[in-house]
C-alpha cells in the first residue's frame, strides 16, 4: 500500500524535527525544565540559581510558559526572575503579579512566599492580616516554612487566638529534617503553648488525619 502525500510529509517533518532535536542535544543546547524538575528546584529554593547557571538561555521559553500556557510553576519562576532582576529587567510589580497568579492556581510555595512578603514588607506594604491569610493556607497544605512563621506570629500574640490550636497542630505533626529548623519549631511551639489551656494543647497534639 502506497503512502499518501500527507503521510510522506508528516514522516519527513518528523525526521526533520528528530534531526534538529538530536543536533540540539549534540550542540549542548539546554533543554527546558520538566514540571517535576522545576518543582524540585522551587522546593529547594535553587530555581533562580539554576536559571543563572543555564546562562539565561531559557528566558523566552520560561516567559511563554508563564504568560501563555499559564503553568503555576513557571509563573512563580518568572515572577521571581522579574522581582529580583535575574536574566530579565527588574520589574517588582509585575513579578509579584506573576507570583499571585501562581498562588491563585494553588502552588504552595507561591502562597507561602506571598505570606512571608506581606509579613516582612518585601516588595509589598506590610499587611499582617493578608500575611496570616496566606500563611494559614500554605500551612494547611503542609508547607513547614509557613507553619513555622505562622506559629511565630501567633506566639508573639499577633493574630487571632482562635487560630492557635490549628497552627500548633500543623507544626507539631510536621516532619522536619533540618536540625536547626526543628529546634526552632520546638521552641516556638513551647512559646505558643504558654498561651493555650492544657486541654487545647492536648487536642492540638492529635495526629494528622490520614
N, C-alpha and C. Protein backbone atom coordinates (compact mmCIF):
# COMPACT_ATOMS: atom_id res chain seq x y z
N UNK A 1 0.85 -1.20 0.00
CA UNK A 1 0.00 0.00 0.00
C UNK A 1 0.88 1.24 0.00
N UNK A 2 0.62 2.14 -0.98
CA UNK A 2 1.44 3.33 -1.11
C UNK A 2 1.00 4.39 -0.11
N UNK A 3 1.99 5.13 0.39
CA UNK A 3 1.69 6.21 1.34
C UNK A 3 1.19 7.45 0.60
N UNK A 4 0.26 8.15 1.21
CA UNK A 4 -0.25 9.38 0.62
C UNK A 4 0.78 10.49 0.76
N UNK A 5 0.56 11.57 0.05
CA UNK A 5 1.47 12.71 0.13
C UNK A 5 1.48 13.30 1.54
N UNK A 6 0.30 13.25 2.19
CA UNK A 6 0.23 13.79 3.55
C UNK A 6 1.06 12.95 4.51
N UNK A 7 0.97 11.62 4.37
CA UNK A 7 1.76 10.73 5.22
C UNK A 7 3.24 10.94 5.01
N UNK A 8 3.64 11.09 3.74
CA UNK A 8 5.05 11.34 3.44
C UNK A 8 5.51 12.66 4.04
N UNK A 9 4.65 13.66 3.96
CA UNK A 9 5.01 14.97 4.51
C UNK A 9 5.18 14.90 6.02
N UNK A 10 4.29 14.15 6.68
CA UNK A 10 4.37 14.02 8.13
C UNK A 10 5.63 13.28 8.55
N UNK A 11 5.98 12.22 7.81
CA UNK A 11 7.19 11.46 8.12
C UNK A 11 8.42 12.34 7.92
N UNK A 12 8.41 13.11 6.83
CA UNK A 12 9.55 14.00 6.56
C UNK A 12 9.70 15.03 7.67
N UNK A 13 8.56 15.60 8.09
CA UNK A 13 8.60 16.59 9.17
C UNK A 13 9.13 15.99 10.45
N UNK A 14 8.69 14.75 10.76
CA UNK A 14 9.14 14.08 11.97
C UNK A 14 10.64 13.84 11.93
N UNK A 15 11.14 13.44 10.76
CA UNK A 15 12.58 13.20 10.63
C UNK A 15 13.37 14.49 10.79
N UNK A 16 12.81 15.58 10.25
CA UNK A 16 13.49 16.88 10.38
C UNK A 16 13.55 17.31 11.85
N UNK A 17 12.38 17.15 12.52
CA UNK A 17 12.33 17.54 13.93
C UNK A 17 13.24 16.67 14.78
N UNK A 18 13.25 15.37 14.50
CA UNK A 18 14.11 14.46 15.25
C UNK A 18 15.57 14.82 15.02
N UNK A 19 15.89 15.13 13.77
CA UNK A 19 17.27 15.50 13.47
C UNK A 19 17.67 16.79 14.17
N UNK A 20 16.73 17.75 14.21
CA UNK A 20 17.01 19.01 14.89
C UNK A 20 17.20 18.80 16.38
N UNK A 21 16.35 17.92 16.96
CA UNK A 21 16.46 17.64 18.39
C UNK A 21 17.79 16.97 18.70
N UNK A 22 18.16 16.00 17.87
CA UNK A 22 19.43 15.30 18.08
C UNK A 22 20.60 16.26 17.98
N UNK A 23 20.53 17.17 16.99
CA UNK A 23 21.60 18.14 16.83
C UNK A 23 21.67 19.07 18.03
N UNK A 24 20.48 19.45 18.52
CA UNK A 24 20.46 20.33 19.70
C UNK A 24 21.12 19.65 20.88
N UNK A 25 20.85 18.34 21.05
CA UNK A 25 21.49 17.60 22.13
C UNK A 25 22.99 17.56 21.94
N UNK A 26 23.41 17.34 20.71
CA UNK A 26 24.85 17.26 20.43
C UNK A 26 25.53 18.59 20.65
N UNK A 27 24.84 19.67 20.28
CA UNK A 27 25.43 21.00 20.41
C UNK A 27 25.37 21.53 21.84
N UNK A 28 24.76 20.77 22.75
CA UNK A 28 24.71 21.17 24.14
C UNK A 28 23.67 22.23 24.45
N UNK A 29 22.65 22.35 23.61
CA UNK A 29 21.59 23.30 23.87
C UNK A 29 20.82 22.86 25.12
N UNK A 30 20.57 23.79 26.02
CA UNK A 30 19.93 23.46 27.29
C UNK A 30 18.45 23.18 27.07
N UNK A 31 17.98 22.07 27.59
CA UNK A 31 16.58 21.70 27.47
C UNK A 31 15.76 22.35 28.59
N UNK A 32 14.52 22.67 28.27
CA UNK A 32 13.65 23.29 29.25
C UNK A 32 13.36 22.33 30.39
N UNK A 33 13.15 22.87 31.59
CA UNK A 33 12.93 22.06 32.77
C UNK A 33 11.59 21.32 32.68
N UNK A 34 11.59 20.08 33.12
CA UNK A 34 10.33 19.36 33.25
C UNK A 34 9.58 19.92 34.45
N UNK A 35 8.30 19.64 34.53
CA UNK A 35 7.50 20.12 35.65
C UNK A 35 8.05 19.60 36.97
N UNK A 36 8.39 18.31 37.00
CA UNK A 36 8.92 17.72 38.23
C UNK A 36 10.24 18.36 38.62
N UNK A 37 11.10 18.59 37.63
CA UNK A 37 12.40 19.20 37.91
C UNK A 37 12.25 20.61 38.45
N UNK A 38 11.37 21.39 37.83
CA UNK A 38 11.20 22.78 38.27
C UNK A 38 10.59 22.84 39.67
N UNK A 39 9.62 21.99 39.95
CA UNK A 39 9.02 21.97 41.29
C UNK A 39 10.06 21.62 42.35
N UNK A 40 10.98 20.71 42.01
CA UNK A 40 12.05 20.35 42.95
C UNK A 40 12.99 21.53 43.17
N UNK A 41 13.30 22.26 42.10
CA UNK A 41 14.16 23.44 42.22
C UNK A 41 13.51 24.50 43.10
N UNK A 42 12.21 24.70 42.90
CA UNK A 42 11.48 25.69 43.70
C UNK A 42 11.44 25.27 45.17
N UNK A 43 11.17 23.99 45.41
CA UNK A 43 11.09 23.49 46.79
C UNK A 43 12.42 23.66 47.51
N UNK A 44 13.51 23.55 46.77
CA UNK A 44 14.85 23.70 47.37
C UNK A 44 15.38 25.13 47.27
N UNK A 45 14.55 26.03 46.72
CA UNK A 45 14.92 27.44 46.55
C UNK A 45 16.21 27.60 45.74
N UNK A 46 16.34 26.80 44.70
CA UNK A 46 17.51 26.89 43.82
C UNK A 46 17.11 27.22 42.39
N UNK A 47 15.87 27.65 42.19
CA UNK A 47 15.37 27.90 40.83
C UNK A 47 16.06 29.09 40.16
N UNK A 48 16.30 30.15 40.90
CA UNK A 48 16.98 31.30 40.30
C UNK A 48 18.45 30.99 40.04
N UNK A 49 19.05 30.25 40.94
CA UNK A 49 20.44 29.83 40.74
C UNK A 49 20.57 28.99 39.47
N UNK A 50 19.59 28.11 39.23
CA UNK A 50 19.64 27.26 38.05
C UNK A 50 19.50 28.09 36.76
N UNK A 51 18.65 29.08 36.77
CA UNK A 51 18.49 29.94 35.60
C UNK A 51 19.80 30.66 35.28
N UNK A 52 20.49 31.11 36.33
CA UNK A 52 21.79 31.76 36.13
C UNK A 52 22.81 30.77 35.60
N UNK A 53 22.82 29.56 36.17
CA UNK A 53 23.76 28.53 35.72
C UNK A 53 23.55 28.20 34.24
N UNK A 54 22.30 28.29 33.79
CA UNK A 54 21.98 28.00 32.39
C UNK A 54 22.19 29.21 31.50
N UNK A 55 22.85 30.22 32.04
CA UNK A 55 23.27 31.40 31.29
C UNK A 55 22.12 32.12 30.61
N UNK A 56 20.97 32.10 31.27
CA UNK A 56 19.80 32.86 30.82
C UNK A 56 19.30 32.45 29.43
N UNK A 57 19.59 31.21 29.01
CA UNK A 57 19.22 30.78 27.66
C UNK A 57 17.74 30.45 27.53
N UNK A 58 17.04 30.27 28.64
CA UNK A 58 15.67 29.78 28.57
C UNK A 58 14.63 30.85 28.89
N UNK A 59 15.03 32.10 28.91
CA UNK A 59 14.14 33.18 29.35
C UNK A 59 12.86 33.22 28.53
N UNK A 60 12.96 33.19 27.21
CA UNK A 60 11.77 33.29 26.37
C UNK A 60 10.84 32.10 26.56
N UNK A 61 11.40 30.91 26.72
CA UNK A 61 10.58 29.72 26.97
C UNK A 61 9.88 29.82 28.32
N UNK A 62 10.61 30.29 29.33
CA UNK A 62 10.03 30.45 30.67
C UNK A 62 8.89 31.47 30.62
N UNK A 63 9.12 32.57 29.96
CA UNK A 63 8.11 33.62 29.84
C UNK A 63 6.86 33.10 29.14
N UNK A 64 7.04 32.34 28.07
CA UNK A 64 5.90 31.80 27.32
C UNK A 64 5.07 30.85 28.17
N UNK A 65 5.73 30.01 28.94
CA UNK A 65 5.01 29.05 29.78
C UNK A 65 4.33 29.73 30.96
N UNK A 66 4.87 30.88 31.36
CA UNK A 66 4.25 31.65 32.44
C UNK A 66 3.06 32.47 31.95
N UNK A 67 3.24 33.18 30.85
CA UNK A 67 2.23 34.12 30.39
C UNK A 67 1.19 33.51 29.46
N UNK A 68 1.60 32.56 28.63
CA UNK A 68 0.69 32.00 27.62
C UNK A 68 0.09 30.67 28.09
N UNK A 69 0.95 29.73 28.48
CA UNK A 69 0.46 28.43 28.95
C UNK A 69 -0.09 28.54 30.37
N UNK A 70 0.42 29.52 31.13
CA UNK A 70 -0.03 29.80 32.50
C UNK A 70 0.19 28.63 33.45
N UNK A 71 1.36 28.02 33.36
CA UNK A 71 1.73 26.97 34.30
C UNK A 71 2.15 27.63 35.62
N UNK A 72 1.57 27.24 36.75
CA UNK A 72 1.87 27.92 38.01
C UNK A 72 3.34 27.86 38.41
N UNK A 73 4.01 26.75 38.13
CA UNK A 73 5.43 26.65 38.47
C UNK A 73 6.25 27.65 37.68
N UNK A 74 5.90 27.85 36.40
CA UNK A 74 6.63 28.82 35.57
C UNK A 74 6.21 30.24 35.89
N UNK A 75 4.98 30.45 36.32
CA UNK A 75 4.58 31.77 36.77
C UNK A 75 5.39 32.18 37.99
N UNK A 76 5.58 31.23 38.89
CA UNK A 76 6.38 31.50 40.09
C UNK A 76 7.83 31.80 39.72
N UNK A 77 8.39 30.97 38.86
CA UNK A 77 9.78 31.17 38.44
C UNK A 77 9.96 32.52 37.76
N UNK A 78 9.08 32.82 36.82
CA UNK A 78 9.19 34.09 36.09
C UNK A 78 8.95 35.28 37.02
N UNK A 79 8.02 35.12 37.95
CA UNK A 79 7.77 36.18 38.91
C UNK A 79 9.00 36.49 39.75
N UNK A 80 9.68 35.45 40.21
CA UNK A 80 10.91 35.65 40.99
C UNK A 80 12.00 36.27 40.13
N UNK A 81 12.12 35.84 38.88
CA UNK A 81 13.11 36.41 37.98
C UNK A 81 12.89 37.91 37.81
N UNK A 82 11.63 38.29 37.65
CA UNK A 82 11.30 39.71 37.48
C UNK A 82 11.55 40.49 38.77
N UNK A 83 11.12 39.94 39.89
CA UNK A 83 11.23 40.66 41.16
C UNK A 83 12.69 40.91 41.54
N UNK A 84 13.55 39.95 41.23
CA UNK A 84 14.96 40.06 41.61
C UNK A 84 15.87 40.46 40.45
N UNK A 85 15.29 40.65 39.28
CA UNK A 85 16.09 41.06 38.12
C UNK A 85 17.07 40.00 37.66
N UNK A 86 16.65 38.74 37.66
CA UNK A 86 17.52 37.64 37.24
C UNK A 86 17.25 37.33 35.76
N UNK A 87 18.19 37.64 34.92
CA UNK A 87 18.14 37.37 33.47
C UNK A 87 17.09 38.20 32.74
N UNK A 88 16.38 39.08 33.44
CA UNK A 88 15.40 39.98 32.83
C UNK A 88 15.49 41.33 33.53
N UNK A 89 14.91 42.35 32.89
CA UNK A 89 14.87 43.66 33.54
C UNK A 89 14.02 43.57 34.79
N UNK A 90 14.48 44.17 35.85
CA UNK A 90 13.77 44.08 37.12
C UNK A 90 12.42 44.80 37.05
N UNK A 91 11.38 44.10 37.46
CA UNK A 91 10.03 44.66 37.47
C UNK A 91 9.30 44.03 38.65
N UNK A 92 9.43 44.66 39.82
CA UNK A 92 8.89 44.08 41.04
C UNK A 92 7.37 43.96 40.99
N UNK A 93 6.71 44.96 40.44
CA UNK A 93 5.25 44.95 40.41
C UNK A 93 4.71 43.78 39.57
N UNK A 94 5.27 43.61 38.38
CA UNK A 94 4.80 42.52 37.53
C UNK A 94 5.26 41.17 38.09
N UNK A 95 6.41 41.17 38.73
CA UNK A 95 6.90 39.95 39.35
C UNK A 95 5.95 39.46 40.44
N UNK A 96 5.51 40.36 41.29
CA UNK A 96 4.56 40.00 42.35
C UNK A 96 3.23 39.56 41.73
N UNK A 97 2.84 40.21 40.65
CA UNK A 97 1.60 39.81 39.97
C UNK A 97 1.68 38.37 39.49
N UNK A 98 2.83 37.99 38.92
CA UNK A 98 3.00 36.61 38.45
C UNK A 98 3.00 35.63 39.63
N UNK A 99 3.60 36.03 40.75
CA UNK A 99 3.55 35.19 41.95
C UNK A 99 2.10 34.99 42.40
N UNK A 100 1.32 36.07 42.35
CA UNK A 100 -0.08 35.98 42.75
C UNK A 100 -0.86 35.04 41.84
N UNK A 101 -0.58 35.09 40.54
CA UNK A 101 -1.24 34.18 39.60
C UNK A 101 -0.90 32.73 39.93
N UNK A 102 0.35 32.49 40.27
CA UNK A 102 0.78 31.14 40.66
C UNK A 102 0.09 30.69 41.94
N UNK A 103 0.00 31.59 42.90
CA UNK A 103 -0.65 31.28 44.18
C UNK A 103 -2.13 30.98 43.97
N UNK A 104 -2.78 31.74 43.11
CA UNK A 104 -4.21 31.53 42.85
C UNK A 104 -4.47 30.18 42.21
N UNK A 105 -3.45 29.63 41.55
CA UNK A 105 -3.58 28.30 40.97
C UNK A 105 -3.17 27.20 41.96
N UNK A 106 -2.77 27.60 43.15
CA UNK A 106 -2.54 26.63 44.22
C UNK A 106 -1.11 26.19 44.46
N UNK A 107 -0.12 26.85 43.85
CA UNK A 107 1.27 26.47 44.11
C UNK A 107 1.63 26.90 45.53
N UNK A 108 1.88 25.94 46.40
CA UNK A 108 2.04 26.24 47.83
C UNK A 108 3.24 27.13 48.10
N UNK A 109 4.32 26.98 47.34
CA UNK A 109 5.49 27.84 47.55
C UNK A 109 5.17 29.30 47.26
N UNK A 110 4.33 29.53 46.27
CA UNK A 110 3.92 30.90 45.95
C UNK A 110 3.04 31.47 47.06
N UNK A 111 2.14 30.64 47.58
CA UNK A 111 1.27 31.08 48.67
C UNK A 111 2.10 31.45 49.90
N UNK A 112 3.06 30.58 50.24
CA UNK A 112 3.93 30.85 51.40
C UNK A 112 4.75 32.11 51.18
N UNK A 113 5.27 32.27 49.98
CA UNK A 113 6.14 33.42 49.71
C UNK A 113 5.38 34.73 49.82
N UNK A 114 4.16 34.77 49.31
CA UNK A 114 3.37 35.99 49.43
C UNK A 114 3.05 36.29 50.89
N UNK A 115 2.76 35.24 51.67
CA UNK A 115 2.53 35.45 53.10
C UNK A 115 3.75 36.03 53.78
N UNK A 116 4.91 35.49 53.43
CA UNK A 116 6.17 35.98 54.01
C UNK A 116 6.44 37.43 53.59
N UNK A 117 6.20 37.74 52.33
CA UNK A 117 6.45 39.09 51.84
C UNK A 117 5.50 40.11 52.48
N UNK A 118 4.24 39.73 52.68
CA UNK A 118 3.31 40.63 53.36
C UNK A 118 3.71 40.79 54.83
N UNK A 119 4.29 39.76 55.40
CA UNK A 119 4.70 39.84 56.81
C UNK A 119 5.88 40.78 57.01
N UNK A 120 6.89 40.64 56.16
CA UNK A 120 8.12 41.43 56.34
C UNK A 120 8.13 42.71 55.52
N UNK A 121 7.14 42.88 54.63
CA UNK A 121 7.10 44.08 53.80
C UNK A 121 8.09 44.07 52.67
N UNK A 122 8.33 42.92 52.06
CA UNK A 122 9.25 42.83 50.93
C UNK A 122 8.46 42.92 49.64
N UNK A 123 8.77 43.91 48.82
CA UNK A 123 8.08 44.20 47.56
C UNK A 123 6.64 44.69 47.78
N UNK A 124 6.12 44.55 48.97
CA UNK A 124 4.74 44.89 49.29
C UNK A 124 4.70 45.67 50.60
N UNK A 125 3.63 46.42 50.79
CA UNK A 125 3.44 47.07 52.09
C UNK A 125 3.11 46.00 53.14
N UNK A 126 3.69 46.09 54.33
CA UNK A 126 3.37 45.10 55.37
C UNK A 126 1.87 45.05 55.63
N UNK A 127 1.35 43.84 55.71
CA UNK A 127 -0.09 43.67 55.94
C UNK A 127 -0.25 42.36 56.71
N UNK A 128 -0.37 42.46 58.02
CA UNK A 128 -0.39 41.26 58.86
C UNK A 128 -1.59 40.37 58.56
N UNK A 129 -2.75 40.98 58.33
CA UNK A 129 -3.94 40.18 58.05
C UNK A 129 -3.78 39.35 56.78
N UNK A 130 -3.25 39.97 55.74
CA UNK A 130 -3.03 39.23 54.49
C UNK A 130 -1.93 38.18 54.68
N UNK A 131 -0.91 38.56 55.44
CA UNK A 131 0.17 37.61 55.70
C UNK A 131 -0.37 36.36 56.38
N UNK A 132 -1.18 36.54 57.40
CA UNK A 132 -1.74 35.40 58.13
C UNK A 132 -2.65 34.57 57.24
N UNK A 133 -3.41 35.24 56.37
CA UNK A 133 -4.31 34.51 55.48
C UNK A 133 -3.53 33.61 54.54
N UNK A 134 -2.50 34.16 53.91
CA UNK A 134 -1.67 33.37 53.00
C UNK A 134 -0.92 32.27 53.76
N UNK A 135 -0.33 32.62 54.89
CA UNK A 135 0.45 31.64 55.65
C UNK A 135 -0.43 30.52 56.18
N UNK A 136 -1.64 30.84 56.59
CA UNK A 136 -2.56 29.81 57.07
C UNK A 136 -2.90 28.83 55.97
N UNK A 137 -3.14 29.35 54.77
CA UNK A 137 -3.44 28.46 53.64
C UNK A 137 -2.26 27.56 53.32
N UNK A 138 -1.05 28.15 53.25
CA UNK A 138 0.14 27.36 52.95
C UNK A 138 0.43 26.36 54.06
N UNK A 139 0.23 26.77 55.31
CA UNK A 139 0.46 25.87 56.45
C UNK A 139 -0.48 24.68 56.40
N UNK A 140 -1.73 24.94 56.03
CA UNK A 140 -2.72 23.85 55.96
C UNK A 140 -2.37 22.85 54.87
N UNK A 141 -1.58 23.29 53.88
CA UNK A 141 -1.16 22.42 52.78
C UNK A 141 0.17 21.72 53.07
N UNK A 142 0.68 21.91 54.29
CA UNK A 142 1.86 21.19 54.73
C UNK A 142 3.18 21.90 54.53
N UNK A 143 3.16 23.18 54.18
CA UNK A 143 4.42 23.92 54.00
C UNK A 143 5.02 24.27 55.36
N UNK A 144 6.16 23.68 55.67
CA UNK A 144 6.77 23.84 57.00
C UNK A 144 7.19 25.28 57.26
N UNK A 145 7.74 25.96 56.25
CA UNK A 145 8.16 27.35 56.45
C UNK A 145 6.97 28.22 56.83
N UNK A 146 5.83 27.98 56.19
CA UNK A 146 4.62 28.73 56.53
C UNK A 146 4.15 28.38 57.94
N UNK A 147 4.22 27.12 58.29
CA UNK A 147 3.80 26.69 59.63
C UNK A 147 4.65 27.36 60.71
N UNK A 148 5.94 27.39 60.50
CA UNK A 148 6.84 28.00 61.49
C UNK A 148 6.57 29.49 61.62
N UNK A 149 6.44 30.17 60.48
CA UNK A 149 6.20 31.62 60.53
C UNK A 149 4.84 31.93 61.16
N UNK A 150 3.85 31.13 60.85
CA UNK A 150 2.52 31.36 61.43
C UNK A 150 2.55 31.18 62.94
N UNK A 151 3.19 30.12 63.42
CA UNK A 151 3.28 29.90 64.87
C UNK A 151 4.08 31.02 65.52
N UNK A 152 5.12 31.49 64.85
CA UNK A 152 5.93 32.59 65.39
C UNK A 152 5.08 33.85 65.56
N UNK A 153 4.27 34.14 64.56
CA UNK A 153 3.39 35.32 64.64
C UNK A 153 2.40 35.17 65.79
N UNK A 154 1.77 34.02 65.88
CA UNK A 154 0.76 33.80 66.92
C UNK A 154 1.38 33.76 68.31
N UNK A 155 2.58 33.18 68.41
CA UNK A 155 3.26 33.11 69.71
C UNK A 155 3.65 34.49 70.22
N UNK A 156 3.77 35.45 69.30
CA UNK A 156 4.06 36.83 69.68
C UNK A 156 2.77 37.61 69.94
N UNK A 157 1.68 36.85 70.08
CA UNK A 157 0.37 37.41 70.41
C UNK A 157 -0.14 38.38 69.36
N UNK A 158 0.17 38.05 68.10
CA UNK A 158 -0.41 38.75 66.97
C UNK A 158 -1.39 37.78 66.30
N UNK A 159 -2.44 38.31 65.71
CA UNK A 159 -3.41 37.43 65.10
C UNK A 159 -4.50 37.02 66.08
N UNK A 160 -5.29 36.06 65.67
CA UNK A 160 -6.47 35.65 66.43
C UNK A 160 -6.19 34.40 67.25
N UNK A 161 -6.46 34.42 68.56
CA UNK A 161 -6.25 33.22 69.39
C UNK A 161 -7.02 32.00 68.92
N UNK A 162 -8.06 32.22 68.15
CA UNK A 162 -8.83 31.10 67.60
C UNK A 162 -7.94 30.22 66.71
N UNK A 163 -6.89 30.81 66.16
CA UNK A 163 -6.01 30.08 65.24
C UNK A 163 -4.91 29.30 65.95
N UNK A 164 -4.77 29.47 67.27
CA UNK A 164 -3.67 28.83 67.99
C UNK A 164 -3.68 27.31 67.81
N UNK A 165 -4.83 26.71 68.00
CA UNK A 165 -4.90 25.25 68.02
C UNK A 165 -4.49 24.64 66.67
N UNK A 166 -5.04 25.14 65.59
CA UNK A 166 -4.73 24.54 64.28
C UNK A 166 -3.27 24.80 63.88
N UNK A 167 -2.75 25.99 64.21
CA UNK A 167 -1.35 26.28 63.89
C UNK A 167 -0.42 25.36 64.67
N UNK A 168 -0.72 25.16 65.95
CA UNK A 168 0.06 24.25 66.79
C UNK A 168 -0.04 22.83 66.22
N UNK A 169 -1.23 22.44 65.85
CA UNK A 169 -1.50 21.09 65.33
C UNK A 169 -0.66 20.80 64.08
N UNK A 170 -0.65 21.72 63.15
CA UNK A 170 0.09 21.51 61.89
C UNK A 170 1.58 21.38 62.14
N UNK A 171 2.14 22.31 62.91
CA UNK A 171 3.59 22.29 63.13
C UNK A 171 4.02 21.12 64.01
N UNK A 172 3.22 20.81 65.01
CA UNK A 172 3.54 19.69 65.90
C UNK A 172 3.65 18.38 65.13
N UNK A 173 2.87 18.23 64.07
CA UNK A 173 2.84 16.98 63.31
C UNK A 173 3.74 17.00 62.08
N UNK A 174 4.47 18.06 61.89
CA UNK A 174 5.34 18.14 60.72
C UNK A 174 6.63 17.35 60.92
N UNK A 175 7.12 16.80 59.83
CA UNK A 175 8.41 16.11 59.84
C UNK A 175 9.45 17.09 59.30
N UNK A 176 10.41 17.44 60.14
CA UNK A 176 11.41 18.46 59.78
C UNK A 176 12.80 17.84 59.84
N UNK A 177 13.44 17.73 58.70
CA UNK A 177 14.74 17.07 58.64
C UNK A 177 15.87 17.95 59.19
N UNK A 178 15.79 19.24 58.94
CA UNK A 178 16.86 20.15 59.36
C UNK A 178 16.84 20.32 60.88
N UNK A 179 17.97 20.07 61.53
CA UNK A 179 18.05 20.12 63.00
C UNK A 179 17.75 21.52 63.54
N UNK A 180 18.32 22.55 62.91
CA UNK A 180 18.11 23.91 63.40
C UNK A 180 16.66 24.33 63.26
N UNK A 181 16.07 23.98 62.13
CA UNK A 181 14.68 24.34 61.89
C UNK A 181 13.76 23.58 62.86
N UNK A 182 14.11 22.31 63.12
CA UNK A 182 13.30 21.52 64.05
C UNK A 182 13.38 22.08 65.46
N UNK A 183 14.57 22.53 65.87
CA UNK A 183 14.72 23.13 67.19
C UNK A 183 13.94 24.44 67.29
N UNK A 184 13.97 25.21 66.23
CA UNK A 184 13.21 26.47 66.21
C UNK A 184 11.72 26.17 66.35
N UNK A 185 11.25 25.15 65.64
CA UNK A 185 9.84 24.77 65.72
C UNK A 185 9.48 24.35 67.13
N UNK A 186 10.35 23.58 67.76
CA UNK A 186 10.12 23.13 69.15
C UNK A 186 10.00 24.31 70.10
N UNK A 187 10.91 25.27 69.95
CA UNK A 187 10.89 26.46 70.82
C UNK A 187 9.63 27.29 70.61
N UNK A 188 9.22 27.44 69.35
CA UNK A 188 8.04 28.23 69.05
C UNK A 188 6.77 27.56 69.56
N UNK A 189 6.72 26.24 69.44
CA UNK A 189 5.56 25.51 69.95
C UNK A 189 5.46 25.66 71.47
N UNK A 190 6.60 25.61 72.13
CA UNK A 190 6.60 25.78 73.59
C UNK A 190 6.12 27.17 73.97
N UNK A 191 6.53 28.16 73.19
CA UNK A 191 6.11 29.54 73.46
C UNK A 191 4.61 29.71 73.22
N UNK A 192 4.11 29.12 72.13
CA UNK A 192 2.69 29.22 71.84
C UNK A 192 1.86 28.48 72.89
N UNK A 193 2.40 27.38 73.39
CA UNK A 193 1.69 26.58 74.39
C UNK A 193 1.41 27.37 75.66
N UNK A 194 2.25 28.36 75.96
CA UNK A 194 2.02 29.16 77.18
C UNK A 194 0.76 30.01 77.06
N UNK A 195 0.26 30.17 75.85
CA UNK A 195 -0.93 30.98 75.62
C UNK A 195 -2.20 30.14 75.49
N UNK A 196 -2.05 28.81 75.66
CA UNK A 196 -3.16 27.90 75.41
C UNK A 196 -3.50 27.08 76.65
N UNK A 197 -4.77 26.81 76.91
CA UNK A 197 -5.14 25.89 78.00
C UNK A 197 -4.59 24.50 77.71
N UNK A 198 -4.31 23.74 78.76
CA UNK A 198 -3.75 22.41 78.60
C UNK A 198 -4.64 21.49 77.76
N UNK A 199 -5.95 21.63 77.95
CA UNK A 199 -6.88 20.78 77.19
C UNK A 199 -6.79 21.05 75.69
N UNK A 200 -6.55 22.29 75.33
CA UNK A 200 -6.43 22.66 73.91
C UNK A 200 -5.10 22.16 73.36
N UNK A 201 -4.05 22.24 74.17
CA UNK A 201 -2.74 21.73 73.75
C UNK A 201 -2.82 20.23 73.47
N UNK A 202 -3.45 19.50 74.35
CA UNK A 202 -3.58 18.05 74.15
C UNK A 202 -4.38 17.73 72.90
N UNK A 203 -5.40 18.52 72.66
CA UNK A 203 -6.21 18.31 71.45
C UNK A 203 -5.40 18.64 70.20
N UNK A 204 -4.58 19.68 70.31
CA UNK A 204 -3.77 20.10 69.16
C UNK A 204 -2.68 19.09 68.82
N UNK A 205 -2.31 18.26 69.79
CA UNK A 205 -1.26 17.27 69.56
C UNK A 205 -1.77 15.98 68.90
N UNK A 206 -3.05 15.94 68.63
CA UNK A 206 -3.60 14.74 67.99
C UNK A 206 -2.93 14.53 66.63
N UNK A 207 -2.80 13.29 66.19
CA UNK A 207 -2.16 13.02 64.90
C UNK A 207 -2.97 13.61 63.75
N UNK A 208 -2.27 13.85 62.65
CA UNK A 208 -2.98 14.31 61.44
C UNK A 208 -3.86 13.19 60.93
N UNK A 209 -5.01 13.57 60.42
CA UNK A 209 -5.92 12.58 59.85
C UNK A 209 -5.37 12.09 58.53
N UNK A 210 -5.45 10.81 58.30
CA UNK A 210 -4.98 10.23 57.04
C UNK A 210 -5.94 10.58 55.91
